[in-house]
Amino acid sequence: MEDPPRLLDATGYRCPLPVILMEKALRAMDPGGRLKVIADDPIAAVDIPHFCRQAGHLAERLASEPEVCVFLVTAKENKGR
């Protein structure tokens, strides 16, 4: 059984803060750890998956209400590279 993901509620923050907070949380996690990110800044819907692609993390957008974006982010396995 997998551990539930950690939660990062970035609602109320405007970009780039949701991505900065997410990056800080991911750095503290073990490889393969999961982080659920909630943001209400429309730009976060673009910035979060873009950052994850660039950094090697996996970002999956989850169903949510229209004014909120929710991502399940899995920390990359090879943090040292």
PDB file of N, CA and C in Angstrom:
ATOM      1  N   MET A   1       0.826  -1.183   0.000  1.00  0.00           N
ATOM      2  CA  MET A   1       0.000   0.000   0.000  1.00  0.00           C
ATOM      3  C   MET A   1       0.873   1.251   0.000  1.00  0.00           C
ATOM      4  N   GLU A   2       0.585   2.146  -0.938  1.00  0.00           N
ATOM      5  CA  GLU A   2       1.364   3.372  -1.040  1.00  0.00           C
ATOM      6  C   GLU A   2       0.957   4.365   0.036  1.00  0.00           C
ATOM      7  N   ASP A   3       1.948   5.141   0.486  1.00  0.00           N
ATOM      8  CA  ASP A   3       1.646   6.225   1.402  1.00  0.00           C
ATOM      9  C   ASP A   3       0.852   7.292   0.664  1.00  0.00           C
ATOM     10  N   PRO A   4      -0.042   7.981   1.348  1.00  0.00           N
ATOM     11  CA  PRO A   4      -0.764   9.066   0.685  1.00  0.00           C
ATOM     12  C   PRO A   4       0.217  10.187   0.327  1.00  0.00           C
ATOM     13  N   PRO A   5      -0.080  10.936  -0.725  1.00  0.00           N
ATOM     14  CA  PRO A   5       0.828  12.021  -1.100  1.00  0.00           C
ATOM     15  C   PRO A   5       0.815  13.132  -0.066  1.00  0.00           C
ATOM     16  N   ARG A   6       1.939  13.833   0.031  1.00  0.00           N
ATOM     17  CA  ARG A   6       1.982  15.050   0.837  1.00  0.00           C
ATOM     18  C   ARG A   6       1.125  16.092   0.139  1.00  0.00           C
ATOM     19  N   LEU A   7       0.649  17.080   0.854  1.00  0.00           N
ATOM     20  CA  LEU A   7      -0.226  18.097   0.289  1.00  0.00           C
ATOM     21  C   LEU A   7       0.459  19.452   0.330  1.00  0.00           C
ATOM     22  N   LEU A   8       0.438  20.139  -0.812  1.00  0.00           N
ATOM     23  CA  LEU A   8       0.895  21.525  -0.884  1.00  0.00           C
ATOM     24  C   LEU A   8      -0.285  22.352  -1.375  1.00  0.00           C
ATOM     25  N   ASP A   9      -0.859  23.153  -0.496  1.00  0.00           N
ATOM     26  CA  ASP A   9      -1.965  24.025  -0.860  1.00  0.00           C
ATOM     27  C   ASP A   9      -1.389  25.394  -1.183  1.00  0.00           C
ATOM     28  N   ALA A  10      -1.302  25.697  -2.468  1.00  0.00           N
ATOM     29  CA  ALA A  10      -0.740  26.973  -2.929  1.00  0.00           C
ATOM     30  C   ALA A  10      -1.840  27.932  -3.367  1.00  0.00           C
ATOM     31  N   THR A  11      -3.069  27.692  -2.925  1.00  0.00           N
ATOM     32  CA  THR A  11      -4.147  28.605  -3.288  1.00  0.00           C
ATOM     33  C   THR A  11      -3.883  29.969  -2.661  1.00  0.00           C
ATOM     34  N   GLY A  12      -4.183  30.997  -3.424  1.00  0.00           N
ATOM     35  CA  GLY A  12      -3.949  32.356  -2.964  1.00  0.00           C
ATOM     36  C   GLY A  12      -2.593  32.904  -3.362  1.00  0.00           C
ATOM     37  N   TYR A  13      -1.688  32.047  -3.805  1.00  0.00           N
ATOM     38  CA  TYR A  13      -0.362  32.484  -4.239  1.00  0.00           C
ATOM     39  C   TYR A  13      -0.360  32.664  -5.753  1.00  0.00           C
ATOM     40  N   ARG A  14       0.360  33.664  -6.215  1.00  0.00           N
ATOM     41  CA  ARG A  14       0.489  33.916  -7.643  1.00  0.00           C
ATOM     42  C   ARG A  14       1.867  33.465  -8.105  1.00  0.00           C
ATOM     43  N   CYS A  15       1.918  33.024  -9.354  1.00  0.00           N
ATOM     44  CA  CYS A  15       3.182  32.553  -9.919  1.00  0.00           C
ATOM     45  C   CYS A  15       4.204  33.683  -9.877  1.00  0.00           C
ATOM     46  N   PRO A  16       5.422  33.289  -9.545  1.00  0.00           N
ATOM     47  CA  PRO A  16       5.990  31.943  -9.552  1.00  0.00           C
ATOM     48  C   PRO A  16       5.942  31.217  -8.202  1.00  0.00           C
ATOM     49  N   LEU A  17       5.255  31.774  -7.203  1.00  0.00           N
ATOM     50  CA  LEU A  17       5.303  31.174  -5.866  1.00  0.00           C
ATOM     51  C   LEU A  17       4.815  29.727  -5.796  1.00  0.00           C
ATOM     52  N   PRO A  18       3.728  29.322  -6.475  1.00  0.00           N
ATOM     53  CA  PRO A  18       3.352  27.908  -6.390  1.00  0.00           C
ATOM     54  C   PRO A  18       4.467  26.964  -6.862  1.00  0.00           C
ATOM     55  N   VAL A  19       5.173  27.353  -7.916  1.00  0.00           N
ATOM     56  CA  VAL A  19       6.266  26.512  -8.423  1.00  0.00           C
ATOM     57  C   VAL A  19       7.448  26.526  -7.458  1.00  0.00           C
ATOM     58  N   ILE A  20       7.746  27.673  -6.888  1.00  0.00           N
ATOM     59  CA  ILE A  20       8.856  27.768  -5.924  1.00  0.00           C
ATOM     60  C   ILE A  20       8.562  26.918  -4.694  1.00  0.00           C
ATOM     61  N   LEU A  21       7.341  27.004  -4.186  1.00  0.00           N
ATOM     62  CA  LEU A  21       6.957  26.189  -3.026  1.00  0.00           C
ATOM     63  C   LEU A  21       6.995  24.697  -3.360  1.00  0.00           C
ATOM     64  N   MET A  22       6.551  24.351  -4.579  1.00  0.00           N
ATOM     65  CA  MET A  22       6.563  22.958  -5.012  1.00  0.00           C
ATOM     66  C   MET A  22       8.001  22.444  -5.116  1.00  0.00           C
ATOM     67  N   GLU A  23       8.874  23.248  -5.711  1.00  0.00           N
ATOM     68  CA  GLU A  23      10.272  22.831  -5.849  1.00  0.00           C
ATOM     69  C   GLU A  23      10.902  22.589  -4.474  1.00  0.00           C
ATOM     70  N   LYS A  24      10.640  23.469  -3.514  1.00  0.00           N
ATOM     71  CA  LYS A  24      11.185  23.311  -2.163  1.00  0.00           C
ATOM     72  C   LYS A  24      10.682  22.007  -1.530  1.00  0.00           C
ATOM     73  N   ALA A  25       9.390  21.737  -1.688  1.00  0.00           N
ATOM     74  CA  ALA A  25       8.821  20.508  -1.120  1.00  0.00           C
ATOM     75  C   ALA A  25       9.416  19.272  -1.788  1.00  0.00           C
ATOM     76  N   LEU A  26       9.583  19.310  -3.105  1.00  0.00           N
ATOM     77  CA  LEU A  26      10.124  18.156  -3.828  1.00  0.00           C
ATOM     78  C   LEU A  26      11.572  17.875  -3.443  1.00  0.00           C
ATOM     79  N   ARG A  27      12.337  18.920  -3.196  1.00  0.00           N
ATOM     80  CA  ARG A  27      13.742  18.741  -2.790  1.00  0.00           C
ATOM     81  C   ARG A  27      13.855  17.990  -1.468  1.00  0.00           C
ATOM     82  N   ALA A  28      12.859  18.156  -0.611  1.00  0.00           N
ATOM     83  CA  ALA A  28      12.879  17.509   0.710  1.00  0.00           C
ATOM     84  C   ALA A  28      12.329  16.087   0.678  1.00  0.00           C
ATOM     85  N   MET A  29      11.829  15.662  -0.477  1.00  0.00           N
ATOM     86  CA  MET A  29      11.192  14.345  -0.577  1.00  0.00           C
ATOM     87  C   MET A  29      12.157  13.302  -1.122  1.00  0.00           C
ATOM     88  N   ASP A  30      11.883  12.056  -0.767  1.00  0.00           N
ATOM     89  CA  ASP A  30      12.645  10.951  -1.333  1.00  0.00           C
ATOM     90  C   ASP A  30      12.238  10.743  -2.788  1.00  0.00           C
ATOM     91  N   PRO A  31      13.149  10.184  -3.604  1.00  0.00           N
ATOM     92  CA  PRO A  31      12.775   9.853  -4.988  1.00  0.00           C
ATOM     93  C   PRO A  31      11.542   8.950  -5.001  1.00  0.00           C
ATOM     94  N   GLY A  32      10.619   9.243  -5.890  1.00  0.00           N
ATOM     95  CA  GLY A  32       9.393   8.466  -5.973  1.00  0.00           C
ATOM     96  C   GLY A  32       8.296   8.967  -5.048  1.00  0.00           C
ATOM     97  N   GLY A  33       8.637   9.915  -4.163  1.00  0.00           N
ATOM     98  CA  GLY A  33       7.636  10.491  -3.278  1.00  0.00           C
ATOM     99  C   GLY A  33       6.607  11.273  -4.082  1.00  0.00           C
ATOM    100  N   ARG A  34       5.416  11.368  -3.521  1.00  0.00           N
ATOM    101  CA  ARG A  34       4.331  12.034  -4.261  1.00  0.00           C
ATOM    102  C   ARG A  34       3.851  13.271  -3.505  1.00  0.00           C
ATOM    103  N   LEU A  35       3.546  14.296  -4.283  1.00  0.00           N
ATOM    104  CA  LEU A  35       3.104  15.577  -3.741  1.00  0.00           C
ATOM    105  C   LEU A  35       1.851  16.010  -4.496  1.00  0.00           C
ATOM    106  N   LYS A  36       0.779  16.267  -3.758  1.00  0.00           N
ATOM    107  CA  LYS A  36      -0.447  16.776  -4.365  1.00  0.00           C
ATOM    108  C   LYS A  36      -0.411  18.296  -4.233  1.00  0.00           C
ATOM    109  N   VAL A  37      -0.451  18.978  -5.379  1.00  0.00           N
ATOM    110  CA  VAL A  37      -0.339  20.436  -5.413  1.00  0.00           C
ATOM    111  C   VAL A  37      -1.684  21.022  -5.842  1.00  0.00           C
ATOM    112  N   ILE A  38      -2.182  21.953  -5.053  1.00  0.00           N
ATOM    113  CA  ILE A  38      -3.433  22.642  -5.367  1.00  0.00           C
ATOM    114  C   ILE A  38      -3.104  24.120  -5.549  1.00  0.00           C
ATOM    115  N   ALA A  39      -3.525  24.689  -6.677  1.00  0.00           N
ATOM    116  CA  ALA A  39      -3.264  26.104  -6.956  1.00  0.00           C
ATOM    117  C   ALA A  39      -4.474  26.708  -7.659  1.00  0.00           C
ATOM    118  N   ASP A  40      -4.686  28.000  -7.424  1.00  0.00           N
ATOM    119  CA  ASP A  40      -5.790  28.686  -8.088  1.00  0.00           C
ATOM    120  C   ASP A  40      -5.325  29.784  -9.032  1.00  0.00           C
ATOM    121  N   ASP A  41      -4.026  29.920  -9.224  1.00  0.00           N
ATOM    122  CA  ASP A  41      -3.506  30.856 -10.221  1.00  0.00           C
ATOM    123  C   ASP A  41      -3.560  30.158 -11.581  1.00  0.00           C
ATOM    124  N   PRO A  42      -4.266  30.730 -12.559  1.00  0.00           N
ATOM    125  CA  PRO A  42      -4.389  30.063 -13.862  1.00  0.00           C
ATOM    126  C   PRO A  42      -3.036  29.753 -14.522  1.00  0.00           C
ATOM    127  N   ILE A  43      -2.032  30.570 -14.259  1.00  0.00           N
ATOM    128  CA  ILE A  43      -0.709  30.345 -14.852  1.00  0.00           C
ATOM    129  C   ILE A  43      -0.058  29.087 -14.279  1.00  0.00           C
ATOM    130  N   ALA A  44      -0.422  28.706 -13.067  1.00  0.00           N
ATOM    131  CA  ALA A  44       0.140  27.492 -12.456  1.00  0.00           C
ATOM    132  C   ALA A  44      -0.207  26.258 -13.276  1.00  0.00           C
ATOM    133  N   ALA A  45      -1.336  26.284 -13.964  1.00  0.00           N
ATOM    134  CA  ALA A  45      -1.730  25.140 -14.798  1.00  0.00           C
ATOM    135  C   ALA A  45      -0.738  24.892 -15.916  1.00  0.00           C
ATOM    136  N   VAL A  46       0.004  25.917 -16.294  1.00  0.00           N
ATOM    137  CA  VAL A  46       1.045  25.799 -17.324  1.00  0.00           C
ATOM    138  C   VAL A  46       2.421  25.641 -16.674  1.00  0.00           C
ATOM    139  N   ASP A  47       2.688  26.462 -15.651  1.00  0.00           N
ATOM    140  CA  ASP A  47       4.016  26.490 -15.035  1.00  0.00           C
ATOM    141  C   ASP A  47       4.376  25.196 -14.298  1.00  0.00           C
ATOM    142  N   ILE A  48       3.419  24.587 -13.609  1.00  0.00           N
ATOM    143  CA  ILE A  48       3.722  23.380 -12.831  1.00  0.00           C
ATOM    144  C   ILE A  48       4.155  22.229 -13.735  1.00  0.00           C
ATOM    145  N   PRO A  49       3.383  21.865 -14.778  1.00  0.00           N
ATOM    146  CA  PRO A  49       3.854  20.770 -15.627  1.00  0.00           C
ATOM    147  C   PRO A  49       5.132  21.121 -16.392  1.00  0.00           C
ATOM    148  N   HIS A  50       5.294  22.405 -16.749  1.00  0.00           N
ATOM    149  CA  HIS A  50       6.517  22.813 -17.455  1.00  0.00           C
ATOM    150  C   HIS A  50       7.742  22.624 -16.557  1.00  0.00           C
ATOM    151  N   PHE A  51       7.653  23.091 -15.313  1.00  0.00           N
ATOM    152  CA  PHE A  51       8.759  22.914 -14.380  1.00  0.00           C
ATOM    153  C   PHE A  51       9.064  21.428 -14.191  1.00  0.00           C
ATOM    154  N   CYS A  52       8.020  20.633 -14.017  1.00  0.00           N
ATOM    155  CA  CYS A  52       8.218  19.201 -13.775  1.00  0.00           C
ATOM    156  C   CYS A  52       8.914  18.526 -14.952  1.00  0.00           C
ATOM    157  N   ARG A  53       8.507  18.861 -16.173  1.00  0.00           N
ATOM    158  CA  ARG A  53       9.177  18.290 -17.351  1.00  0.00           C
ATOM    159  C   ARG A  53      10.654  18.659 -17.369  1.00  0.00           C
ATOM    160  N   GLN A  54      10.945  19.934 -17.096  1.00  0.00           N
ATOM    161  CA  GLN A  54      12.330  20.401 -17.118  1.00  0.00           C
ATOM    162  C   GLN A  54      13.172  19.756 -16.023  1.00  0.00           C
ATOM    163  N   ALA A  55      12.578  19.511 -14.864  1.00  0.00           N
ATOM    164  CA  ALA A  55      13.319  18.974 -13.720  1.00  0.00           C
ATOM    165  C   ALA A  55      13.306  17.449 -13.658  1.00  0.00           C
ATOM    166  N   GLY A  56      12.494  16.809 -14.498  1.00  0.00           N
ATOM    167  CA  GLY A  56      12.463  15.349 -14.519  1.00  0.00           C
ATOM    168  C   GLY A  56      11.428  14.716 -13.611  1.00  0.00           C
ATOM    169  N   HIS A  57      10.548  15.522 -13.045  1.00  0.00           N
ATOM    170  CA  HIS A  57       9.470  14.989 -12.212  1.00  0.00           C
ATOM    171  C   HIS A  57       8.275  14.638 -13.102  1.00  0.00           C
ATOM    172  N   LEU A  58       7.416  13.797 -12.598  1.00  0.00           N
ATOM    173  CA  LEU A  58       6.195  13.422 -13.320  1.00  0.00           C
ATOM    174  C   LEU A  58       5.030  14.202 -12.724  1.00  0.00           C
ATOM    175  N   ALA A  59       4.286  14.935 -13.579  1.00  0.00           N
ATOM    176  CA  ALA A  59       3.128  15.702 -13.122  1.00  0.00           C
ATOM    177  C   ALA A  59       1.884  15.192 -13.831  1.00  0.00           C
ATOM    178  N   GLU A  60       0.901  14.811 -13.045  1.00  0.00           N
ATOM    179  CA  GLU A  60      -0.372  14.344 -13.583  1.00  0.00           C
ATOM    180  C   GLU A  60      -1.454  15.292 -13.096  1.00  0.00           C
ATOM    181  N   ARG A  61      -2.173  15.901 -14.039  1.00  0.00           N
ATOM    182  CA  ARG A  61      -3.264  16.798 -13.645  1.00  0.00           C
ATOM    183  C   ARG A  61      -4.474  15.962 -13.246  1.00  0.00           C
ATOM    184  N   LEU A  62      -5.024  16.273 -12.086  1.00  0.00           N
ATOM    185  CA  LEU A  62      -6.182  15.565 -11.572  1.00  0.00           C
ATOM    186  C   LEU A  62      -7.443  16.386 -11.825  1.00  0.00           C
ATOM    187  N   ALA A  63      -8.572  15.712 -11.875  1.00  0.00           N
ATOM    188  CA  ALA A  63      -9.844  16.412 -12.049  1.00  0.00           C
ATOM    189  C   ALA A  63     -10.061  17.341 -10.862  1.00  0.00           C
ATOM    190  N   SER A  64     -10.559  18.527 -11.172  1.00  0.00           N
ATOM    191  CA  SER A  64     -10.816  19.503 -10.118  1.00  0.00           C
ATOM    192  C   SER A  64     -11.863  20.495 -10.604  1.00  0.00           C
ATOM    193  N   GLU A  65     -12.206  21.399  -9.738  1.00  0.00           N
ATOM    194  CA  GLU A  65     -13.139  22.441 -10.118  1.00  0.00           C
ATOM    195  C   GLU A  65     -12.458  23.389 -11.102  1.00  0.00           C
ATOM    196  N   PRO A  66     -13.221  24.057 -11.971  1.00  0.00           N
ATOM    197  CA  PRO A  66     -12.623  24.867 -13.040  1.00  0.00           C
ATOM    198  C   PRO A  66     -11.655  25.955 -12.576  1.00  0.00           C
ATOM    199  N   GLU A  67     -11.899  26.561 -11.421  1.00  0.00           N
ATOM    200  CA  GLU A  67     -11.042  27.661 -10.985  1.00  0.00           C
ATOM    201  C   GLU A  67      -9.812  27.203 -10.201  1.00  0.00           C
ATOM    202  N   VAL A  68      -9.628  25.904 -10.063  1.00  0.00           N
ATOM    203  CA  VAL A  68      -8.497  25.346  -9.305  1.00  0.00           C
ATOM    204  C   VAL A  68      -7.816  24.285 -10.152  1.00  0.00           C
ATOM    205  N   CYS A  69      -6.491  24.238 -10.078  1.00  0.00           N
ATOM    206  CA  CYS A  69      -5.787  23.131 -10.728  1.00  0.00           C
ATOM    207  C   CYS A  69      -5.135  22.281  -9.639  1.00  0.00           C
ATOM    208  N   VAL A  70      -5.199  20.974  -9.845  1.00  0.00           N
ATOM    209  CA  VAL A  70      -4.652  20.012  -8.886  1.00  0.00           C
ATOM    210  C   VAL A  70      -3.745  19.072  -9.656  1.00  0.00           C
ATOM    211  N   PHE A  71      -2.518  18.929  -9.180  1.00  0.00           N
ATOM    212  CA  PHE A  71      -1.551  18.029  -9.801  1.00  0.00           C
ATOM    213  C   PHE A  71      -1.049  17.029  -8.780  1.00  0.00           C
ATOM    214  N   LEU A  72      -0.821  15.817  -9.230  1.00  0.00           N
ATOM    215  CA  LEU A  72      -0.115  14.814  -8.439  1.00  0.00           C
ATOM    216  C   LEU A  72       1.278  14.725  -9.039  1.00  0.00           C
ATOM    217  N   VAL A  73       2.261  15.147  -8.289  1.00  0.00           N
ATOM    218  CA  VAL A  73       3.652  15.212  -8.762  1.00  0.00           C
ATOM    219  C   VAL A  73       4.446  14.107  -8.082  1.00  0.00           C
ATOM    220  N   THR A  74       5.167  13.332  -8.885  1.00  0.00           N
ATOM    221  CA  THR A  74       6.050  12.298  -8.369  1.00  0.00           C
ATOM    222  C   THR A  74       7.485  12.748  -8.536  1.00  0.00           C
ATOM    223  N   ALA A  75       8.223  12.777  -7.409  1.00  0.00           N
ATOM    224  CA  ALA A  75       9.611  13.211  -7.442  1.00  0.00           C
ATOM    225  C   ALA A  75      10.441  12.269  -8.290  1.00  0.00           C
ATOM    226  N   LYS A  76      11.333  12.861  -9.054  1.00  0.00           N
ATOM    227  CA  LYS A  76      12.149  12.037  -9.958  1.00  0.00           C
ATOM    228  C   LYS A  76      12.982  11.037  -9.183  1.00  0.00           C
ATOM    229  N   GLU A  77      13.221   9.913  -9.827  1.00  0.00           N
ATOM    230  CA  GLU A  77      13.945   8.810  -9.195  1.00  0.00           C
ATOM    231  C   GLU A  77      15.432   9.079  -9.050  1.00  0.00           C
ATOM    232  N   ASN A  78      15.994   9.817  -9.975  1.00  0.00           N
ATOM    233  CA  ASN A  78      17.464  10.047  -9.965  1.00  0.00           C
ATOM    234  C   ASN A  78      17.743  11.496  -9.573  1.00  0.00           C
ATOM    235  N   LYS A  79      17.530  11.822  -8.306  1.00  0.00           N
ATOM    236  CA  LYS A  79      17.674  13.190  -7.832  1.00  0.00           C
ATOM    237  C   LYS A  79      19.079  13.754  -8.035  1.00  0.00           C
ATOM    238  N   GLY A  80      20.080  12.918  -8.037  1.00  0.00           N
ATOM    239  CA  GLY A  80      21.446  13.387  -8.150  1.00  0.00           C
ATOM    240  C   GLY A  80      21.853  13.822  -9.534  1.00  0.00           C
ATOM    241  N   ARG A  81      21.033  13.580 -10.518  1.00  0.00           N
ATOM    242  CA  ARG A  81      21.426  13.923 -11.900  1.00  0.00           C
ATOM    243  C   ARG A  81      20.739  15.143 -12.388  1.00  0.00           C
TER     244      ARG A  81
END
